[in-house]
Amino acid sequence: MIELDFSKLGGLVPAIAQDDRTGEVLMVAFMNKEAWERTLQTGIVHYFSRTRNELWKKGETSGNVQLVKEIRIDCDNDAVLIKVHQVGDVACHTGYRSCFYRVLEGSSLKIDGWKKE
């Protein structure tokens, strides 16, 4: 199994989820070693919640799971890019397709994305 360097951020590595078809960045979260291993074992992305201090399977309650299509590891082995098939087309907990649905325009944020109603 490929070992990531979990020593730099207190046992965590940044994980970027990207739509495997469009290249759209869907979200950025963190993985600990257990989340990494579960992701590799199951083919479904798991993360570590810093606010809840617990492991979570993306979409466990919403049904909007992320199926792994490809994993890329950066040159320092301390960050991952995961190309996913986003089931349900919603990655953000707010209901938007991507967590990056706001655009900075001057000193304000403009909504630029769709939200599942």
C-alpha atoms as a PDB file:
ATOM      1  CA  MET A   1       0.000   0.000   0.000  1.00  0.00           C
ATOM      2  CA  ILE A   2       1.234   3.502  -0.802  1.00  0.00           C
ATOM      3  CA  GLU A   3       2.128   5.437   2.330  1.00  0.00           C
ATOM      4  CA  LEU A   4       1.374   9.124   2.539  1.00  0.00           C
ATOM      5  CA  ASP A   5       3.292  11.513   4.781  1.00  0.00           C
ATOM      6  CA  PHE A   6       0.846  12.251   7.599  1.00  0.00           C
ATOM      7  CA  SER A   7       3.521  13.903   9.774  1.00  0.00           C
ATOM      8  CA  LYS A   8       3.265  17.519   8.550  1.00  0.00           C
ATOM      9  CA  LEU A   9      -0.282  18.534   9.509  1.00  0.00           C
ATOM     10  CA  GLY A  10      -0.854  16.656  12.702  1.00  0.00           C
ATOM     11  CA  GLY A  11      -1.741  13.370  11.055  1.00  0.00           C
ATOM     12  CA  LEU A  12      -3.720  14.830   8.152  1.00  0.00           C
ATOM     13  CA  VAL A  13      -3.212  15.383   4.424  1.00  0.00           C
ATOM     14  CA  PRO A  14      -5.254  17.702   2.182  1.00  0.00           C
ATOM     15  CA  ALA A  15      -7.502  15.852  -0.256  1.00  0.00           C
ATOM     16  CA  ILE A  16      -8.884  17.596  -3.331  1.00  0.00           C
ATOM     17  CA  ALA A  17     -11.946  16.012  -4.951  1.00  0.00           C
ATOM     18  CA  GLN A  18     -12.218  16.699  -8.679  1.00  0.00           C
ATOM     19  CA  ASP A  19     -14.963  15.624 -11.091  1.00  0.00           C
ATOM     20  CA  ASP A  20     -13.410  12.954 -13.299  1.00  0.00           C
ATOM     21  CA  ARG A  21     -15.374  14.045 -16.385  1.00  0.00           C
ATOM     22  CA  THR A  22     -15.303  17.851 -16.223  1.00  0.00           C
ATOM     23  CA  GLY A  23     -12.189  18.558 -14.154  1.00  0.00           C
ATOM     24  CA  GLU A  24     -14.246  20.797 -11.832  1.00  0.00           C
ATOM     25  CA  VAL A  25     -12.863  21.034  -8.302  1.00  0.00           C
ATOM     26  CA  LEU A  26     -15.681  19.873  -6.064  1.00  0.00           C
ATOM     27  CA  MET A  27     -14.213  20.214  -2.589  1.00  0.00           C
ATOM     28  CA  VAL A  28     -11.125  20.204  -0.399  1.00  0.00           C
ATOM     29  CA  ALA A  29     -11.085  18.201   2.807  1.00  0.00           C
ATOM     30  CA  PHE A  30      -8.612  16.243   4.910  1.00  0.00           C
ATOM     31  CA  MET A  31      -7.744  12.599   5.315  1.00  0.00           C
ATOM     32  CA  ASN A  32      -6.077  10.836   8.182  1.00  0.00           C
ATOM     33  CA  LYS A  33      -4.464   7.424   7.753  1.00  0.00           C
ATOM     34  CA  GLU A  34      -7.715   5.570   8.444  1.00  0.00           C
ATOM     35  CA  ALA A  35      -9.655   7.634   5.880  1.00  0.00           C
ATOM     36  CA  TRP A  36      -6.908   6.994   3.320  1.00  0.00           C
ATOM     37  CA  GLU A  37      -6.956   3.244   3.953  1.00  0.00           C
ATOM     38  CA  ARG A  38     -10.772   3.032   3.837  1.00  0.00           C
ATOM     39  CA  THR A  39     -10.801   4.977   0.574  1.00  0.00           C
ATOM     40  CA  LEU A  40      -8.313   2.558  -0.972  1.00  0.00           C
ATOM     41  CA  GLN A  41     -10.180  -0.487   0.365  1.00  0.00           C
ATOM     42  CA  THR A  42     -13.703   0.544  -0.622  1.00  0.00           C
ATOM     43  CA  GLY A  43     -13.332   2.793  -3.688  1.00  0.00           C
ATOM     44  CA  ILE A  44     -15.558   5.335  -1.911  1.00  0.00           C
ATOM     45  CA  VAL A  45     -13.929   8.502  -0.603  1.00  0.00           C
ATOM     46  CA  HIS A  46     -13.626   8.831   3.171  1.00  0.00           C
ATOM     47  CA  TYR A  47     -12.438  11.965   4.952  1.00  0.00           C
ATOM     48  CA  PHE A  48     -11.554  13.075   8.449  1.00  0.00           C
ATOM     49  CA  SER A  49     -13.721  15.842   9.887  1.00  0.00           C
ATOM     50  CA  ARG A  50     -11.633  18.324  11.861  1.00  0.00           C
ATOM     51  CA  THR A  51     -14.740  19.888  13.415  1.00  0.00           C
ATOM     52  CA  ARG A  52     -16.316  16.625  14.517  1.00  0.00           C
ATOM     53  CA  ASN A  53     -12.950  14.919  15.064  1.00  0.00           C
ATOM     54  CA  GLU A  54     -14.135  11.772  13.327  1.00  0.00           C
ATOM     55  CA  LEU A  55     -13.911   9.716  10.159  1.00  0.00           C
ATOM     56  CA  TRP A  56     -16.742  10.183   7.651  1.00  0.00           C
ATOM     57  CA  LYS A  57     -17.735   8.526   4.423  1.00  0.00           C
ATOM     58  CA  LYS A  58     -18.697  11.203   1.912  1.00  0.00           C
ATOM     59  CA  GLY A  59     -22.424  10.946   1.252  1.00  0.00           C
ATOM     60  CA  GLU A  60     -23.161   8.567   4.089  1.00  0.00           C
ATOM     61  CA  THR A  61     -26.246  10.528   5.122  1.00  0.00           C
ATOM     62  CA  SER A  62     -27.024  12.467   1.909  1.00  0.00           C
ATOM     63  CA  GLY A  63     -26.414   9.666  -0.584  1.00  0.00           C
ATOM     64  CA  ASN A  64     -24.040  11.936  -2.532  1.00  0.00           C
ATOM     65  CA  VAL A  65     -21.073   9.568  -2.383  1.00  0.00           C
ATOM     66  CA  GLN A  66     -17.826  10.026  -4.264  1.00  0.00           C
ATOM     67  CA  LEU A  67     -16.660   6.993  -6.225  1.00  0.00           C
ATOM     68  CA  VAL A  68     -12.906   6.917  -6.832  1.00  0.00           C
ATOM     69  CA  LYS A  69     -11.890   6.947 -10.485  1.00  0.00           C
ATOM     70  CA  GLU A  70      -8.224   7.941 -10.101  1.00  0.00           C
ATOM     71  CA  ILE A  71      -5.902   9.028  -7.321  1.00  0.00           C
ATOM     72  CA  ARG A  72      -2.891  11.280  -7.818  1.00  0.00           C
ATOM     73  CA  ILE A  73      -0.334  11.942  -5.115  1.00  0.00           C
ATOM     74  CA  ASP A  74       1.781  15.082  -5.033  1.00  0.00           C
ATOM     75  CA  CYS A  75       5.592  15.090  -5.206  1.00  0.00           C
ATOM     76  CA  ASP A  76       6.018  15.249  -1.402  1.00  0.00           C
ATOM     77  CA  ASN A  77       3.502  12.480  -0.625  1.00  0.00           C
ATOM     78  CA  ASP A  78       1.540  14.906   1.578  1.00  0.00           C
ATOM     79  CA  ALA A  79      -1.510  15.798  -0.536  1.00  0.00           C
ATOM     80  CA  VAL A  80      -3.866  13.849  -2.781  1.00  0.00           C
ATOM     81  CA  LEU A  81      -6.022  14.682  -5.771  1.00  0.00           C
ATOM     82  CA  ILE A  82      -8.905  12.272  -6.123  1.00  0.00           C
ATOM     83  CA  LYS A  83     -10.802  12.198  -9.386  1.00  0.00           C
ATOM     84  CA  VAL A  84     -14.313  11.083  -8.534  1.00  0.00           C
ATOM     85  CA  HIS A  85     -17.665  10.244  -9.979  1.00  0.00           C
ATOM     86  CA  GLN A  86     -19.938  12.413  -7.846  1.00  0.00           C
ATOM     87  CA  VAL A  87     -23.140  10.464  -7.228  1.00  0.00           C
ATOM     88  CA  GLY A  88     -26.136  12.770  -6.925  1.00  0.00           C
ATOM     89  CA  ASP A  89     -24.198  15.644  -8.546  1.00  0.00           C
ATOM     90  CA  VAL A  90     -23.889  17.443  -5.180  1.00  0.00           C
ATOM     91  CA  ALA A  91     -20.561  17.611  -3.342  1.00  0.00           C
ATOM     92  CA  CYS A  92     -21.101  20.528  -0.963  1.00  0.00           C
ATOM     93  CA  HIS A  93     -22.968  20.117   2.314  1.00  0.00           C
ATOM     94  CA  THR A  94     -24.848  23.345   1.472  1.00  0.00           C
ATOM     95  CA  GLY A  95     -26.495  21.639  -1.521  1.00  0.00           C
ATOM     96  CA  TYR A  96     -24.326  23.171  -4.236  1.00  0.00           C
ATOM     97  CA  ARG A  97     -22.555  21.049  -6.833  1.00  0.00           C
ATOM     98  CA  SER A  98     -19.154  22.336  -5.701  1.00  0.00           C
ATOM     99  CA  CYS A  99     -17.973  23.944  -2.482  1.00  0.00           C
ATOM    100  CA  PHE A 100     -16.452  26.650  -4.704  1.00  0.00           C
ATOM    101  CA  TYR A 101     -19.746  28.210  -5.802  1.00  0.00           C
ATOM    102  CA  ARG A 102     -18.875  31.764  -4.709  1.00  0.00           C
ATOM    103  CA  VAL A 103     -16.802  34.202  -6.770  1.00  0.00           C
ATOM    104  CA  LEU A 104     -15.060  37.201  -5.241  1.00  0.00           C
ATOM    105  CA  GLU A 105     -16.078  40.357  -7.099  1.00  0.00           C
ATOM    106  CA  GLY A 106     -14.500  43.428  -5.568  1.00  0.00           C
ATOM    107  CA  SER A 107     -15.327  43.151  -1.873  1.00  0.00           C
ATOM    108  CA  SER A 108     -18.380  40.914  -2.202  1.00  0.00           C
ATOM    109  CA  LEU A 109     -19.161  37.326  -3.077  1.00  0.00           C
ATOM    110  CA  LYS A 110     -21.374  36.418  -6.022  1.00  0.00           C
ATOM    111  CA  ILE A 111     -23.116  33.047  -6.213  1.00  0.00           C
ATOM    112  CA  ASP A 112     -21.991  31.210  -9.340  1.00  0.00           C
ATOM    113  CA  GLY A 113     -23.271  27.675  -9.233  1.00  0.00           C
ATOM    114  CA  TRP A 114     -26.384  25.612  -8.974  1.00  0.00           C
ATOM    115  CA  LYS A 115     -28.011  24.316  -5.856  1.00  0.00           C
ATOM    116  CA  LYS A 116     -30.082  21.167  -5.673  1.00  0.00           C
ATOM    117  CA  GLU A 117     -33.486  22.006  -4.271  1.00  0.00           C
END
